[in-house]
Amino acid sequence: MKIDIQDHMLVPKHEIMTEEEISDEFSDVDYD
């Protein structure tokens, strides 16, 4: 679970991502 927690700590990295990159990151999620 340590890796999972560390991954969540990298939120700032996501904030820097562009909308397109974010969309690409959540493309595998079904937000219908």
C-alpha atoms as a PDB file:
ATOM      1  CA  MET A   1       0.000   0.000   0.000  1.00  0.00           C
ATOM      2  CA  LYS A   2       3.043   2.236   0.407  1.00  0.00           C
ATOM      3  CA  ILE A   3       3.386   2.716  -3.345  1.00  0.00           C
ATOM      4  CA  ASP A   4      -0.328   3.563  -3.586  1.00  0.00           C
ATOM      5  CA  ILE A   5      -0.007   6.236  -0.896  1.00  0.00           C
ATOM      6  CA  GLN A   6       3.123   7.702  -2.511  1.00  0.00           C
ATOM      7  CA  ASP A   7       1.266   7.790  -5.804  1.00  0.00           C
ATOM      8  CA  HIS A   8      -1.489   9.859  -4.217  1.00  0.00           C
ATOM      9  CA  MET A   9       1.129  12.223  -2.815  1.00  0.00           C
ATOM     10  CA  LEU A  10       2.070  13.144  -6.397  1.00  0.00           C
ATOM     11  CA  VAL A  11      -1.161  15.092  -6.829  1.00  0.00           C
ATOM     12  CA  PRO A  12       0.717  18.343  -7.631  1.00  0.00           C
ATOM     13  CA  LYS A  13       2.101  16.576 -10.690  1.00  0.00           C
ATOM     14  CA  HIS A  14      -1.446  15.987 -11.936  1.00  0.00           C
ATOM     15  CA  GLU A  15      -2.362  19.610 -11.318  1.00  0.00           C
ATOM     16  CA  ILE A  16       0.416  20.646 -13.703  1.00  0.00           C
ATOM     17  CA  MET A  17      -0.893  18.282 -16.393  1.00  0.00           C
ATOM     18  CA  THR A  18      -2.919  19.757 -19.221  1.00  0.00           C
ATOM     19  CA  GLU A  19      -6.619  19.010 -19.628  1.00  0.00           C
ATOM     20  CA  GLU A  20      -5.783  16.750 -22.542  1.00  0.00           C
ATOM     21  CA  GLU A  21      -3.314  14.761 -20.482  1.00  0.00           C
ATOM     22  CA  ILE A  22      -5.831  14.469 -17.664  1.00  0.00           C
ATOM     23  CA  SER A  23      -8.507  13.267 -20.080  1.00  0.00           C
ATOM     24  CA  ASP A  24      -6.034  10.734 -21.414  1.00  0.00           C
ATOM     25  CA  GLU A  25      -5.244   9.599 -17.883  1.00  0.00           C
ATOM     26  CA  PHE A  26      -8.915   9.071 -17.050  1.00  0.00           C
ATOM     27  CA  SER A  27      -9.771   7.675 -20.475  1.00  0.00           C
ATOM     28  CA  ASP A  28      -9.899   4.189 -18.967  1.00  0.00           C
ATOM     29  CA  VAL A  29     -12.464   5.378 -16.418  1.00  0.00           C
ATOM     30  CA  ASP A  30     -16.110   5.226 -17.439  1.00  0.00           C
ATOM     31  CA  TYR A  31     -17.530   8.666 -16.615  1.00  0.00           C
ATOM     32  CA  ASP A  32     -20.800   8.487 -18.491  1.00  0.00           C
END
